[in-house]
Amino acid sequence: MLGLNERIVVVTGGASGIGRAVTLRLAREGCTVAIFDLDEEGAQRTKVMCGEKAASVFVYHVDISDYMQVERATADFEEKAGPVDFLANVAGWDLAKPFLESDVELWRKIIAINLYGPLNVQHVIAKGMALRKFGRIVNVASDAGRVGSSGEAVYSACKGGIASFSKTLARELAKSGVQVNVVCPGPTDTPLFRSFADQKLADALTRAIPMGRLGQPDDCAGMIVFLLSDDAGFITGQTISVSGGLTMHG
């Protein structure tokens, strides 16, 4: 894809799943990448998986729900690598449970990671992008935020909020040369999915998906990296599902 080589990128959630796939792809494309993740060991494994490109991958132990941690890690990375060009907000977490069986503490954790986390990272990084008149941001939401998902009420609310927030930010920053788009994965075979989906549920979802399989992390990574590339240079404020046809929006 065009315009990726030598770009400076932050990827949240790069320790596993979609975030790992995005990091590997960006490293192959010649980017310098910082992984912001609580799972430092997993992030280090991602770095090793980058092979000969591993030297261009930086690992930061960051709780994205903590604004100060995001600020410190960003400042350190920019001092070492240069101003951030691209941001992929991939980190997310959920614990599937019917809403009426959940409690306030669970809501707070889900909201802190899935809503405040991306807001924190964008508030820190997008300021520099706007000043430099260039930047691209991709926020990973979920089709749960578009059509709902049983057992994921608060998570769905966060992801729907991220989609709406991204459209507003895209409007606010368009004249500053900053593009903001959203990728909404459908059921995707990641550690998060496997943490609450047993084989029976996985099989049922596979049957429901027109393309006949669960998504894989690379399915989403390709779309995310495309939206960061120059090939998507005239796209902003869009929400794109990667779901094998399970959800279709016109």
Protein backbone atom coordinates (compact mmCIF):
# COMPACT_ATOMS: atom_id res chain seq x y z
CA MET A 1 0.00 0.00 0.00
CA LEU A 2 1.11 3.56 -0.66
CA GLY A 3 2.56 5.93 1.89
CA LEU A 4 3.36 3.57 4.76
CA ASN A 5 7.14 3.24 4.59
CA GLU A 6 8.96 5.13 7.36
CA ARG A 7 5.75 6.32 9.02
CA ILE A 8 5.65 6.58 12.83
CA VAL A 9 2.71 4.67 14.31
CA VAL A 10 1.15 3.93 17.70
CA VAL A 11 -0.88 0.72 17.99
CA THR A 12 -2.83 0.07 21.18
CA GLY A 13 -3.50 -3.57 22.04
CA GLY A 14 -0.61 -4.88 19.97
CA ALA A 15 0.12 -7.78 22.33
CA SER A 16 -2.37 -10.14 20.69
CA GLY A 17 -5.24 -10.58 18.27
CA ILE A 18 -6.04 -7.82 15.80
CA GLY A 19 -3.53 -5.44 17.36
CA ARG A 20 -0.73 -7.96 16.87
CA ALA A 21 -1.75 -8.54 13.25
CA VAL A 22 -1.76 -4.78 12.62
CA THR A 23 1.68 -4.38 14.20
CA LEU A 24 3.17 -7.19 12.13
CA ARG A 25 1.71 -5.76 8.93
CA LEU A 26 2.90 -2.21 9.65
CA ALA A 27 6.39 -3.42 10.51
CA ARG A 28 6.55 -5.32 7.21
CA GLU A 29 5.46 -2.14 5.43
CA GLY A 30 8.46 -0.29 6.88
CA CYS A 31 6.78 1.62 9.72
CA THR A 32 8.25 2.36 13.12
CA VAL A 33 5.66 1.13 15.61
CA ALA A 34 5.03 1.65 19.31
CA ILE A 35 2.84 -0.93 21.03
CA PHE A 36 0.86 0.45 23.99
CA ASP A 37 -0.44 -2.50 26.00
CA LEU A 38 -0.85 -3.73 29.58
CA ASP A 39 0.38 -7.15 28.45
CA GLU A 40 4.05 -6.30 28.12
CA GLU A 41 5.08 -9.94 27.71
CA GLY A 42 2.65 -10.41 24.84
CA ALA A 43 3.81 -7.16 23.27
CA GLN A 44 7.42 -8.35 23.45
CA ARG A 45 6.37 -11.56 21.66
CA THR A 46 4.79 -9.45 18.93
CA LYS A 47 8.06 -7.53 18.61
CA VAL A 48 10.02 -10.79 18.25
CA MET A 49 7.54 -12.00 15.62
CA CYS A 50 8.47 -8.97 13.50
CA GLY A 51 11.79 -10.71 12.79
CA GLU A 52 14.27 -8.49 10.98
CA LYS A 53 11.92 -5.53 11.52
CA ALA A 54 11.88 -5.99 15.32
CA ALA A 55 14.30 -3.11 15.87
CA SER A 56 11.63 -0.74 14.57
CA VAL A 57 9.07 -1.88 17.17
CA PHE A 58 8.96 -0.24 20.61
CA VAL A 59 7.05 -1.76 23.54
CA TYR A 60 5.41 0.33 26.27
CA HIS A 61 3.58 -1.00 29.30
CA VAL A 62 0.59 1.34 29.22
CA ASP A 63 -2.85 1.35 30.80
CA ILE A 64 -4.68 3.42 28.18
CA SER A 65 -7.38 4.29 30.72
CA ASP A 66 -4.70 6.33 32.54
CA TYR A 67 -4.17 9.63 30.71
CA MET A 68 -0.79 10.32 32.31
CA GLN A 69 0.59 6.92 31.27
CA VAL A 70 -0.47 7.58 27.68
CA GLU A 71 1.14 11.02 27.79
CA ARG A 72 4.45 9.71 29.16
CA ALA A 73 4.69 6.83 26.70
CA THR A 74 3.85 9.06 23.74
CA ALA A 75 6.46 11.64 24.75
CA ASP A 76 9.13 8.97 25.12
CA PHE A 77 8.30 7.35 21.79
CA GLU A 78 8.25 10.65 19.92
CA GLU A 79 11.59 11.60 21.44
CA LYS A 80 13.08 8.34 20.14
CA ALA A 81 11.30 7.93 16.82
CA GLY A 82 9.77 11.26 15.84
CA PRO A 83 6.25 12.71 15.68
CA VAL A 84 3.41 10.18 15.41
CA ASP A 85 1.86 10.03 11.93
CA PHE A 86 -0.69 7.26 12.44
CA LEU A 87 -2.70 5.82 15.32
CA ALA A 88 -4.54 2.50 15.44
CA ASN A 89 -6.71 2.19 18.55
CA VAL A 90 -7.25 -1.56 18.77
CA ALA A 91 -7.14 -2.31 22.51
CA GLY A 92 -10.41 -3.51 24.01
CA TRP A 93 -11.84 -5.73 26.70
CA ASP A 94 -15.17 -7.24 27.73
CA LEU A 95 -16.73 -9.77 30.04
CA ALA A 96 -19.92 -11.17 28.55
CA LYS A 97 -22.84 -11.06 30.98
CA PRO A 98 -26.54 -10.11 30.75
CA PHE A 99 -26.93 -6.47 31.70
CA LEU A 100 -29.25 -7.12 34.63
CA GLU A 101 -26.70 -9.54 36.09
CA SER A 102 -23.82 -7.07 35.77
CA ASP A 103 -22.74 -4.45 38.31
CA VAL A 104 -21.37 -0.93 38.40
CA GLU A 105 -17.77 -2.01 38.91
CA LEU A 106 -17.88 -4.11 35.73
CA TRP A 107 -19.44 -1.19 33.82
CA ARG A 108 -16.66 1.10 35.01
CA LYS A 109 -13.93 -1.27 33.87
CA ILE A 110 -15.50 -1.81 30.44
CA ILE A 111 -16.04 1.93 29.95
CA ALA A 112 -12.54 2.81 31.17
CA ILE A 113 -10.87 0.51 28.64
CA ASN A 114 -13.20 0.76 25.65
CA LEU A 115 -14.30 4.40 25.80
CA TYR A 116 -11.97 6.45 27.98
CA GLY A 117 -8.93 4.58 26.66
CA PRO A 118 -9.33 5.58 23.02
CA LEU A 119 -10.36 9.10 24.06
CA ASN A 120 -7.20 9.46 26.12
CA VAL A 121 -4.91 8.25 23.35
CA GLN A 122 -6.51 10.46 20.70
CA HIS A 123 -6.54 13.54 22.94
CA VAL A 124 -2.80 13.13 23.48
CA ILE A 125 -1.75 12.18 19.95
CA ALA A 126 -4.21 14.03 17.69
CA LYS A 127 -3.08 17.41 19.04
CA GLY A 128 0.32 16.98 17.41
CA MET A 129 -1.23 15.69 14.22
CA ALA A 130 -3.45 18.76 13.96
CA LEU A 131 -0.52 21.11 14.54
CA ARG A 132 1.51 19.35 11.82
CA LYS A 133 -1.50 19.28 9.47
CA PHE A 134 -1.24 15.53 8.90
CA GLY A 135 -2.38 12.37 10.59
CA ARG A 136 -4.50 9.27 10.24
CA ILE A 137 -6.45 7.54 12.99
CA VAL A 138 -8.31 4.25 12.86
CA ASN A 139 -10.49 3.32 15.81
CA VAL A 140 -11.52 -0.30 16.17
CA ALA A 141 -15.11 -0.46 17.38
CA SER A 142 -17.33 -3.52 16.89
CA ASP A 143 -20.43 -4.58 15.06
CA ALA A 144 -21.83 -4.97 18.59
CA GLY A 145 -21.91 -1.18 18.59
CA ARG A 146 -23.92 -1.10 15.35
CA VAL A 147 -26.47 -3.86 15.85
CA GLY A 148 -26.15 -4.86 19.53
CA SER A 149 -24.94 -8.13 21.01
CA SER A 150 -26.57 -10.15 23.78
CA GLY A 151 -24.42 -10.13 26.90
CA GLU A 152 -22.44 -7.11 25.76
CA ALA A 153 -24.69 -4.16 26.57
CA VAL A 154 -22.09 -1.82 28.07
CA TYR A 155 -19.38 -2.89 25.62
CA SER A 156 -21.83 -2.22 22.77
CA ALA A 157 -22.58 1.21 24.20
CA CYS A 158 -18.86 2.03 24.29
CA LYS A 159 -18.26 0.84 20.76
CA GLY A 160 -21.28 2.72 19.42
CA GLY A 161 -19.95 5.77 21.23
CA ILE A 162 -16.54 5.38 19.62
CA ALA A 163 -18.14 5.29 16.17
CA SER A 164 -20.10 8.50 16.85
CA PHE A 165 -17.09 10.17 18.47
CA SER A 166 -14.93 9.29 15.46
CA LYS A 167 -17.36 10.90 13.03
CA THR A 168 -17.35 14.09 15.07
CA LEU A 169 -13.57 14.13 15.38
CA ALA A 170 -13.27 13.50 11.64
CA ARG A 171 -15.38 16.60 11.00
CA GLU A 172 -13.44 18.71 13.49
CA LEU A 173 -10.02 17.72 12.15
CA ALA A 174 -10.64 17.36 8.40
CA LYS A 175 -9.31 20.85 7.59
CA SER A 176 -6.26 20.11 9.74
CA GLY A 177 -5.32 17.21 7.48
CA VAL A 178 -6.25 14.51 9.99
CA GLN A 179 -8.44 11.60 8.90
CA VAL A 180 -10.42 9.48 11.35
CA ASN A 181 -12.16 6.22 10.43
CA VAL A 182 -13.64 3.23 12.21
CA VAL A 183 -13.36 -0.50 11.61
CA CYS A 184 -16.04 -2.71 13.14
CA PRO A 185 -15.04 -6.37 13.36
CA GLY A 186 -17.72 -9.01 13.41
CA PRO A 187 -17.08 -12.27 15.30
CA THR A 188 -13.30 -12.68 15.07
CA ASP A 189 -11.18 -15.51 16.42
CA THR A 190 -9.11 -13.58 18.96
CA PRO A 191 -8.17 -14.25 22.60
CA LEU A 192 -10.96 -11.87 23.68
CA PHE A 193 -13.53 -13.80 21.65
CA ARG A 194 -12.32 -17.14 23.00
CA SER A 195 -12.49 -15.82 26.56
CA PHE A 196 -16.29 -15.87 26.48
CA ALA A 197 -17.33 -17.90 23.42
CA ASP A 198 -17.42 -21.67 23.80
CA GLN A 199 -17.26 -23.97 20.79
CA LYS A 200 -21.06 -24.16 20.56
CA LEU A 201 -21.34 -20.38 20.21
CA ALA A 202 -18.42 -20.25 17.79
CA ASP A 203 -20.08 -22.90 15.62
CA ALA A 204 -23.42 -21.07 15.70
CA LEU A 205 -21.81 -17.81 14.63
CA THR A 206 -19.90 -19.56 11.88
CA ARG A 207 -23.19 -20.91 10.51
CA ALA A 208 -24.74 -17.43 10.65
CA ILE A 209 -21.91 -15.72 8.75
CA PRO A 210 -22.62 -15.81 4.99
CA MET A 211 -18.95 -16.41 4.18
CA GLY A 212 -19.02 -19.49 6.41
CA ARG A 213 -16.19 -18.78 8.85
CA LEU A 214 -15.16 -16.62 11.76
CA GLY A 215 -13.03 -13.61 11.04
CA GLN A 216 -9.29 -13.83 11.58
CA PRO A 217 -7.11 -10.99 12.91
CA ASP A 218 -5.52 -10.49 9.48
CA ASP A 219 -8.96 -9.84 7.98
CA CYS A 220 -9.25 -6.67 10.06
CA ALA A 221 -5.56 -5.77 9.86
CA GLY A 222 -5.78 -5.37 6.10
CA MET A 223 -8.63 -2.86 6.37
CA ILE A 224 -6.97 -0.94 9.21
CA VAL A 225 -3.68 -0.65 7.36
CA PHE A 226 -5.51 0.37 4.17
CA LEU A 227 -7.24 3.21 6.03
CA LEU A 228 -3.85 4.39 7.31
CA SER A 229 -2.32 4.33 3.85
CA ASP A 230 -2.30 6.93 1.08
CA ASP A 231 -4.68 4.65 -0.82
CA ALA A 232 -7.35 5.92 1.61
CA GLY A 233 -6.27 9.55 1.35
CA PHE A 234 -9.80 10.84 0.62
CA ILE A 235 -11.69 8.75 3.17
CA THR A 236 -12.69 10.09 6.57
CA GLY A 237 -15.57 9.71 9.01
CA GLN A 238 -16.46 6.25 7.73
CA THR A 239 -17.45 3.13 9.67
CA ILE A 240 -16.65 -0.14 7.92
CA SER A 241 -17.75 -3.60 9.04
CA VAL A 242 -15.42 -6.57 8.55
CA SER A 243 -17.85 -9.34 9.31
CA GLY A 244 -18.02 -11.82 6.42
CA GLY A 245 -21.46 -10.45 5.56
CA LEU A 246 -23.02 -11.06 8.98
CA THR A 247 -23.93 -7.38 9.07
CA MET A 248 -24.55 -5.36 5.93
CA HIS A 249 -24.95 -1.60 5.96
CA GLY A 250 -25.76 0.57 2.97
